[in-house]
PDB file of N, CA and C in Angstrom:
ATOM      1  N   MET A   1      20.316 -13.398  29.752  1.00  0.00           N
ATOM      2  CA  MET A   1      19.436 -12.739  28.813  1.00  0.00           C
ATOM      3  C   MET A   1      18.334 -13.717  28.422  1.00  0.00           C
ATOM      4  N   ASP A   2      17.129 -13.224  28.452  1.00  0.00           N
ATOM      5  CA  ASP A   2      15.968 -14.069  28.144  1.00  0.00           C
ATOM      6  C   ASP A   2      15.274 -13.534  26.901  1.00  0.00           C
ATOM      7  N   VAL A   3      15.117 -14.386  25.916  1.00  0.00           N
ATOM      8  CA  VAL A   3      14.466 -13.999  24.662  1.00  0.00           C
ATOM      9  C   VAL A   3      12.981 -14.325  24.770  1.00  0.00           C
ATOM     10  N   LYS A   4      12.149 -13.356  24.504  1.00  0.00           N
ATOM     11  CA  LYS A   4      10.702 -13.584  24.497  1.00  0.00           C
ATOM     12  C   LYS A   4      10.318 -14.017  23.082  1.00  0.00           C
ATOM     13  N   TRP A   5      10.270 -15.327  22.881  1.00  0.00           N
ATOM     14  CA  TRP A   5      10.058 -15.880  21.549  1.00  0.00           C
ATOM     15  C   TRP A   5       8.683 -15.541  21.001  1.00  0.00           C
ATOM     16  N   SER A   6       7.700 -15.449  21.869  1.00  0.00           N
ATOM     17  CA  SER A   6       6.355 -15.122  21.380  1.00  0.00           C
ATOM     18  C   SER A   6       6.305 -13.692  20.842  1.00  0.00           C
ATOM     19  N   ALA A   7       6.981 -12.776  21.512  1.00  0.00           N
ATOM     20  CA  ALA A   7       7.018 -11.389  21.038  1.00  0.00           C
ATOM     21  C   ALA A   7       7.812 -11.288  19.733  1.00  0.00           C
ATOM     22  N   LEU A   8       8.899 -12.034  19.638  1.00  0.00           N
ATOM     23  CA  LEU A   8       9.691 -12.043  18.403  1.00  0.00           C
ATOM     24  C   LEU A   8       8.885 -12.611  17.244  1.00  0.00           C
ATOM     25  N   GLY A   9       8.162 -13.682  17.497  1.00  0.00           N
ATOM     26  CA  GLY A   9       7.310 -14.262  16.469  1.00  0.00           C
ATOM     27  C   GLY A   9       6.194 -13.326  16.053  1.00  0.00           C
ATOM     28  N   GLU A  10       5.626 -12.622  17.008  1.00  0.00           N
ATOM     29  CA  GLU A  10       4.556 -11.659  16.702  1.00  0.00           C
ATOM     30  C   GLU A  10       5.081 -10.525  15.821  1.00  0.00           C
ATOM     31  N   VAL A  11       6.243 -10.000  16.156  1.00  0.00           N
ATOM     32  CA  VAL A  11       6.841  -8.931  15.360  1.00  0.00           C
ATOM     33  C   VAL A  11       7.167  -9.420  13.959  1.00  0.00           C
ATOM     34  N   ALA A  12       7.685 -10.631  13.863  1.00  0.00           N
ATOM     35  CA  ALA A  12       8.019 -11.186  12.545  1.00  0.00           C
ATOM     36  C   ALA A  12       6.772 -11.374  11.694  1.00  0.00           C
ATOM     37  N   LEU A  13       5.693 -11.890  12.271  1.00  0.00           N
ATOM     38  CA  LEU A  13       4.464 -12.097  11.514  1.00  0.00           C
ATOM     39  C   LEU A  13       3.818 -10.785  11.085  1.00  0.00           C
ATOM     40  N   VAL A  14       3.800  -9.814  11.974  1.00  0.00           N
ATOM     41  CA  VAL A  14       3.221  -8.513  11.626  1.00  0.00           C
ATOM     42  C   VAL A  14       4.061  -7.838  10.543  1.00  0.00           C
ATOM     43  N   SER A  15       5.377  -7.919  10.661  1.00  0.00           N
ATOM     44  CA  SER A  15       6.252  -7.327   9.642  1.00  0.00           C
ATOM     45  C   SER A  15       6.053  -7.987   8.284  1.00  0.00           C
ATOM     46  N   LEU A  16       5.948  -9.301   8.271  1.00  0.00           N
ATOM     47  CA  LEU A  16       5.711 -10.014   7.028  1.00  0.00           C
ATOM     48  C   LEU A  16       4.356  -9.638   6.430  1.00  0.00           C
ATOM     49  N   GLY A  17       3.342  -9.586   7.273  1.00  0.00           N
ATOM     50  CA  GLY A  17       2.001  -9.227   6.796  1.00  0.00           C
ATOM     51  C   GLY A  17       1.928  -7.821   6.228  1.00  0.00           C
ATOM     52  N   VAL A  18       2.518  -6.865   6.922  1.00  0.00           N
ATOM     53  CA  VAL A  18       2.500  -5.483   6.438  1.00  0.00           C
ATOM     54  C   VAL A  18       3.362  -5.347   5.185  1.00  0.00           C
ATOM     55  N   GLY A  19       4.473  -6.052   5.130  1.00  0.00           N
ATOM     56  CA  GLY A  19       5.317  -6.013   3.938  1.00  0.00           C
ATOM     57  C   GLY A  19       4.597  -6.544   2.712  1.00  0.00           C
ATOM     58  N   VAL A  20       3.906  -7.659   2.867  1.00  0.00           N
ATOM     59  CA  VAL A  20       3.134  -8.218   1.752  1.00  0.00           C
ATOM     60  C   VAL A  20       1.981  -7.286   1.391  1.00  0.00           C
ATOM     61  N   ALA A  21       1.308  -6.745   2.399  1.00  0.00           N
ATOM     62  CA  ALA A  21       0.161  -5.859   2.152  1.00  0.00           C
ATOM     63  C   ALA A  21       0.563  -4.612   1.372  1.00  0.00           C
ATOM     64  N   ILE A  22       1.684  -3.992   1.730  1.00  0.00           N
ATOM     65  CA  ILE A  22       2.074  -2.764   1.045  1.00  0.00           C
ATOM     66  C   ILE A  22       2.491  -3.059  -0.395  1.00  0.00           C
ATOM     67  N   VAL A  23       3.099  -4.213  -0.638  1.00  0.00           N
ATOM     68  CA  VAL A  23       3.464  -4.583  -2.008  1.00  0.00           C
ATOM     69  C   VAL A  23       2.207  -4.833  -2.841  1.00  0.00           C
ATOM     70  N   VAL A  24       1.226  -5.517  -2.268  1.00  0.00           N
ATOM     71  CA  VAL A  24      -0.019  -5.802  -2.988  1.00  0.00           C
ATOM     72  C   VAL A  24      -0.781  -4.515  -3.272  1.00  0.00           C
ATOM     73  N   ILE A  25      -0.863  -3.624  -2.294  1.00  0.00           N
ATOM     74  CA  ILE A  25      -1.569  -2.352  -2.499  1.00  0.00           C
ATOM     75  C   ILE A  25      -0.883  -1.524  -3.582  1.00  0.00           C
ATOM     76  N   PHE A  26       0.445  -1.488  -3.578  1.00  0.00           N
ATOM     77  CA  PHE A  26       1.164  -0.741  -4.603  1.00  0.00           C
ATOM     78  C   PHE A  26       0.935  -1.350  -5.984  1.00  0.00           C
ATOM     79  N   ALA A  27       0.938  -2.689  -6.055  1.00  0.00           N
ATOM     80  CA  ALA A  27       0.706  -3.363  -7.337  1.00  0.00           C
ATOM     81  C   ALA A  27      -0.699  -3.086  -7.863  1.00  0.00           C
ATOM     82  N   VAL A  28      -1.684  -3.047  -6.973  1.00  0.00           N
ATOM     83  CA  VAL A  28      -3.046  -2.708  -7.382  1.00  0.00           C
ATOM     84  C   VAL A  28      -3.100  -1.264  -7.870  1.00  0.00           C
ATOM     85  N   GLY A  29      -2.347  -0.373  -7.230  1.00  0.00           N
ATOM     86  CA  GLY A  29      -2.284   1.010  -7.682  1.00  0.00           C
ATOM     87  C   GLY A  29      -1.680   1.144  -9.070  1.00  0.00           C
ATOM     88  N   VAL A  30      -0.635   0.391  -9.336  1.00  0.00           N
ATOM     89  CA  VAL A  30      -0.024   0.414 -10.673  1.00  0.00           C
ATOM     90  C   VAL A  30      -0.995  -0.144 -11.704  1.00  0.00           C
ATOM     91  N   LEU A  31      -1.694  -1.212 -11.350  1.00  0.00           N
ATOM     92  CA  LEU A  31      -2.694  -1.787 -12.251  1.00  0.00           C
ATOM     93  C   LEU A  31      -3.822  -0.791 -12.524  1.00  0.00           C
ATOM     94  N   ALA A  32      -4.285  -0.114 -11.484  1.00  0.00           N
ATOM     95  CA  ALA A  32      -5.349   0.873 -11.661  1.00  0.00           C
ATOM     96  C   ALA A  32      -4.876   2.053 -12.501  1.00  0.00           C
ATOM     97  N   ALA A  33      -3.617   2.437 -12.351  1.00  0.00           N
ATOM     98  CA  ALA A  33      -3.088   3.542 -13.152  1.00  0.00           C
ATOM     99  C   ALA A  33      -2.972   3.151 -14.621  1.00  0.00           C
ATOM    100  N   SER A  34      -2.776   1.874 -14.885  1.00  0.00           N
ATOM    101  CA  SER A  34      -2.659   1.445 -16.272  1.00  0.00           C
ATOM    102  C   SER A  34      -4.008   1.327 -16.958  1.00  0.00           C
ATOM    103  N   VAL A  35      -5.088   1.368 -16.219  1.00  0.00           N
ATOM    104  CA  VAL A  35      -6.432   1.284 -16.801  1.00  0.00           C
ATOM    105  C   VAL A  35      -6.764   2.561 -17.553  1.00  0.00           C
ATOM    106  N   ARG A  36      -6.273   3.678 -17.086  1.00  0.00           N
ATOM    107  CA  ARG A  36      -6.611   4.977 -17.673  1.00  0.00           C
ATOM    108  C   ARG A  36      -6.223   5.088 -19.148  1.00  0.00           C
ATOM    109  N   PRO A  37      -5.011   4.772 -19.545  1.00  0.00           N
ATOM    110  CA  PRO A  37      -4.685   4.895 -20.972  1.00  0.00           C
ATOM    111  C   PRO A  37      -5.478   3.926 -21.852  1.00  0.00           C
ATOM    112  N   ARG A  38      -5.722   2.722 -21.350  1.00  0.00           N
ATOM    113  CA  ARG A  38      -6.475   1.768 -22.142  1.00  0.00           C
ATOM    114  C   ARG A  38      -7.927   2.202 -22.298  1.00  0.00           C
ATOM    115  N   ALA A  39      -8.480   2.862 -21.311  1.00  0.00           N
ATOM    116  CA  ALA A  39      -9.865   3.309 -21.403  1.00  0.00           C
ATOM    117  C   ALA A  39     -10.011   4.375 -22.485  1.00  0.00           C
ATOM    118  N   ALA A  40      -8.977   5.167 -22.709  1.00  0.00           N
ATOM    119  CA  ALA A  40      -9.041   6.201 -23.738  1.00  0.00           C
ATOM    120  C   ALA A  40      -8.949   5.594 -25.135  1.00  0.00           C
ATOM    121  N   GLU A  41      -8.255   4.463 -25.276  1.00  0.00           N
ATOM    122  CA  GLU A  41      -8.061   3.851 -26.585  1.00  0.00           C
ATOM    123  C   GLU A  41      -9.242   2.988 -27.023  1.00  0.00           C
ATOM    124  N   THR A  42      -9.995   2.471 -26.079  1.00  0.00           N
ATOM    125  CA  THR A  42     -11.092   1.559 -26.409  1.00  0.00           C
ATOM    126  C   THR A  42     -12.427   2.268 -26.248  1.00  0.00           C
ATOM    127  N   ASP A  43     -13.479   1.518 -26.430  1.00  0.00           N
ATOM    128  CA  ASP A  43     -14.826   2.066 -26.261  1.00  0.00           C
ATOM    129  C   ASP A  43     -15.324   1.867 -24.839  1.00  0.00           C
ATOM    130  N   ALA A  44     -14.490   2.144 -23.864  1.00  0.00           N
ATOM    131  CA  ALA A  44     -14.859   1.982 -22.471  1.00  0.00           C
ATOM    132  C   ALA A  44     -15.794   3.111 -22.048  1.00  0.00           C
ATOM    133  N   PRO A  45     -16.563   2.903 -20.991  1.00  0.00           N
ATOM    134  CA  PRO A  45     -17.423   3.980 -20.489  1.00  0.00           C
ATOM    135  C   PRO A  45     -16.611   5.199 -20.089  1.00  0.00           C
ATOM    136  N   ALA A  46     -17.268   6.340 -20.065  1.00  0.00           N
ATOM    137  CA  ALA A  46     -16.567   7.607 -19.806  1.00  0.00           C
ATOM    138  C   ALA A  46     -15.914   7.646 -18.430  1.00  0.00           C
ATOM    139  N   GLY A  47     -16.497   7.009 -17.428  1.00  0.00           N
ATOM    140  CA  GLY A  47     -15.959   7.058 -16.075  1.00  0.00           C
ATOM    141  C   GLY A  47     -14.866   6.057 -15.793  1.00  0.00           C
ATOM    142  N   ALA A  48     -14.545   5.185 -16.731  1.00  0.00           N
ATOM    143  CA  ALA A  48     -13.551   4.129 -16.478  1.00  0.00           C
ATOM    144  C   ALA A  48     -12.172   4.717 -16.226  1.00  0.00           C
ATOM    145  N   GLY A  49     -11.781   5.702 -16.973  1.00  0.00           N
ATOM    146  CA  GLY A  49     -10.469   6.317 -16.778  1.00  0.00           C
ATOM    147  C   GLY A  49     -10.376   7.068 -15.468  1.00  0.00           C
ATOM    148  N   ALA A  50     -11.443   7.762 -15.110  1.00  0.00           N
ATOM    149  CA  ALA A  50     -11.449   8.511 -13.858  1.00  0.00           C
ATOM    150  C   ALA A  50     -11.421   7.567 -12.661  1.00  0.00           C
ATOM    151  N   PHE A  51     -12.150   6.461 -12.759  1.00  0.00           N
ATOM    152  CA  PHE A  51     -12.142   5.491 -11.660  1.00  0.00           C
ATOM    153  C   PHE A  51     -10.748   4.918 -11.464  1.00  0.00           C
ATOM    154  N   GLY A  52     -10.051   4.600 -12.540  1.00  0.00           N
ATOM    155  CA  GLY A  52      -8.699   4.066 -12.426  1.00  0.00           C
ATOM    156  C   GLY A  52      -7.737   5.060 -11.792  1.00  0.00           C
ATOM    157  N   THR A  53      -7.875   6.318 -12.163  1.00  0.00           N
ATOM    158  CA  THR A  53      -7.013   7.353 -11.601  1.00  0.00           C
ATOM    159  C   THR A  53      -7.268   7.538 -10.110  1.00  0.00           C
ATOM    160  N   VAL A  54      -8.531   7.567  -9.731  1.00  0.00           N
ATOM    161  CA  VAL A  54      -8.873   7.731  -8.314  1.00  0.00           C
ATOM    162  C   VAL A  54      -8.426   6.514  -7.511  1.00  0.00           C
ATOM    163  N   ALA A  55      -8.652   5.322  -8.039  1.00  0.00           N
ATOM    164  CA  ALA A  55      -8.238   4.104  -7.340  1.00  0.00           C
ATOM    165  C   ALA A  55      -6.725   4.056  -7.183  1.00  0.00           C
ATOM    166  N   ALA A  56      -5.998   4.432  -8.231  1.00  0.00           N
ATOM    167  CA  ALA A  56      -4.534   4.452  -8.150  1.00  0.00           C
ATOM    168  C   ALA A  56      -4.072   5.459  -7.105  1.00  0.00           C
ATOM    169  N   GLY A  57      -4.670   6.628  -7.110  1.00  0.00           N
ATOM    170  CA  GLY A  57      -4.303   7.641  -6.121  1.00  0.00           C
ATOM    171  C   GLY A  57      -4.557   7.178  -4.700  1.00  0.00           C
ATOM    172  N   LEU A  58      -5.681   6.511  -4.469  1.00  0.00           N
ATOM    173  CA  LEU A  58      -5.976   6.003  -3.130  1.00  0.00           C
ATOM    174  C   LEU A  58      -5.007   4.900  -2.712  1.00  0.00           C
ATOM    175  N   CYS A  59      -4.646   4.046  -3.646  1.00  0.00           N
ATOM    176  CA  CYS A  59      -3.678   2.989  -3.325  1.00  0.00           C
ATOM    177  C   CYS A  59      -2.318   3.577  -2.980  1.00  0.00           C
ATOM    178  N   PHE A  60      -1.861   4.543  -3.773  1.00  0.00           N
ATOM    179  CA  PHE A  60      -0.564   5.154  -3.493  1.00  0.00           C
ATOM    180  C   PHE A  60      -0.601   5.963  -2.198  1.00  0.00           C
ATOM    181  N   LEU A  61      -1.730   6.594  -1.909  1.00  0.00           N
ATOM    182  CA  LEU A  61      -1.879   7.320  -0.649  1.00  0.00           C
ATOM    183  C   LEU A  61      -1.845   6.355   0.537  1.00  0.00           C
ATOM    184  N   ALA A  62      -2.471   5.188   0.385  1.00  0.00           N
ATOM    185  CA  ALA A  62      -2.434   4.181   1.448  1.00  0.00           C
ATOM    186  C   ALA A  62      -1.009   3.687   1.676  1.00  0.00           C
ATOM    187  N   CYS A  63      -0.253   3.475   0.600  1.00  0.00           N
ATOM    188  CA  CYS A  63       1.151   3.063   0.737  1.00  0.00           C
ATOM    189  C   CYS A  63       1.962   4.122   1.473  1.00  0.00           C
ATOM    190  N   ALA A  64       1.754   5.366   1.120  1.00  0.00           N
ATOM    191  CA  ALA A  64       2.477   6.453   1.781  1.00  0.00           C
ATOM    192  C   ALA A  64       2.095   6.546   3.259  1.00  0.00           C
ATOM    193  N   ALA A  65       0.814   6.348   3.569  1.00  0.00           N
ATOM    194  CA  ALA A  65       0.364   6.407   4.964  1.00  0.00           C
ATOM    195  C   ALA A  65       0.952   5.265   5.784  1.00  0.00           C
ATOM    196  N   ILE A  66       1.012   4.077   5.213  1.00  0.00           N
ATOM    197  CA  ILE A  66       1.602   2.933   5.916  1.00  0.00           C
ATOM    198  C   ILE A  66       3.084   3.165   6.167  1.00  0.00           C
ATOM    199  N   ALA A  67       3.792   3.677   5.164  1.00  0.00           N
ATOM    200  CA  ALA A  67       5.222   3.957   5.327  1.00  0.00           C
ATOM    201  C   ALA A  67       5.448   5.059   6.363  1.00  0.00           C
ATOM    202  N   ALA A  68       4.623   6.105   6.339  1.00  0.00           N
ATOM    203  CA  ALA A  68       4.758   7.193   7.314  1.00  0.00           C
ATOM    204  C   ALA A  68       4.473   6.699   8.734  1.00  0.00           C
ATOM    205  N   TYR A  69       3.495   5.809   8.875  1.00  0.00           N
ATOM    206  CA  TYR A  69       3.195   5.259  10.197  1.00  0.00           C
ATOM    207  C   TYR A  69       4.365   4.406  10.701  1.00  0.00           C
ATOM    208  N   GLY A  70       4.982   3.638   9.816  1.00  0.00           N
ATOM    209  CA  GLY A  70       6.143   2.853  10.199  1.00  0.00           C
ATOM    210  C   GLY A  70       7.297   3.732  10.650  1.00  0.00           C
ATOM    211  N   ILE A  71       7.532   4.825   9.943  1.00  0.00           N
ATOM    212  CA  ILE A  71       8.585   5.767  10.345  1.00  0.00           C
ATOM    213  C   ILE A  71       8.237   6.403  11.683  1.00  0.00           C
ATOM    214  N   TYR A  72       6.957   6.720  11.890  1.00  0.00           N
ATOM    215  CA  TYR A  72       6.509   7.283  13.166  1.00  0.00           C
ATOM    216  C   TYR A  72       6.791   6.322  14.320  1.00  0.00           C
ATOM    217  N   LEU A  73       6.565   5.025  14.090  1.00  0.00           N
ATOM    218  CA  LEU A  73       6.804   4.042  15.140  1.00  0.00           C
ATOM    219  C   LEU A  73       8.291   3.849  15.427  1.00  0.00           C
ATOM    220  N   ILE A  74       9.145   4.024  14.417  1.00  0.00           N
ATOM    221  CA  ILE A  74      10.575   3.783  14.599  1.00  0.00           C
ATOM    222  C   ILE A  74      11.286   4.971  15.249  1.00  0.00           C
ATOM    223  N   VAL A  75      10.940   6.198  14.855  1.00  0.00           N
ATOM    224  CA  VAL A  75      11.670   7.385  15.313  1.00  0.00           C
ATOM    225  C   VAL A  75      11.103   7.846  16.660  1.00  0.00           C
ATOM    226  N   PRO A  76      11.891   7.812  17.713  1.00  0.00           N
ATOM    227  CA  PRO A  76      11.359   8.165  19.040  1.00  0.00           C
ATOM    228  C   PRO A  76      11.022   9.643  19.221  1.00  0.00           C
ATOM    229  N   GLN A  77      11.606  10.530  18.435  1.00  0.00           N
ATOM    230  CA  GLN A  77      11.314  11.958  18.586  1.00  0.00           C
ATOM    231  C   GLN A  77       9.893  12.303  18.164  1.00  0.00           C
ATOM    232  N   PHE A  78       9.236  11.425  17.427  1.00  0.00           N
ATOM    233  CA  PHE A  78       7.875  11.698  16.976  1.00  0.00           C
ATOM    234  C   PHE A  78       6.817  11.345  18.018  1.00  0.00           C
ATOM    235  N   HIS A  79       7.204  10.681  19.105  1.00  0.00           N
ATOM    236  CA  HIS A  79       6.235  10.249  20.115  1.00  0.00           C
ATOM    237  C   HIS A  79       5.991  11.314  21.128  1.00  0.00           C
TER     238      HIS A  79
END
């Protein structure tokens, strides 16, 4: 049995990168979602709450898309 170390290293690096990326994107989404309540309490511009909601929605949608793509790659019936 021959182990292709370069392919194993590539998979490990890509997995680590995507894992970190999805955590960061989700954290940014949570941060953006928390902007909305604070904008209502302070004298923030009128669009600040809407921007936070839209940004949070896009971040969570990106997380869902990344997870769905990962499931697509793993499950052979989807190919």
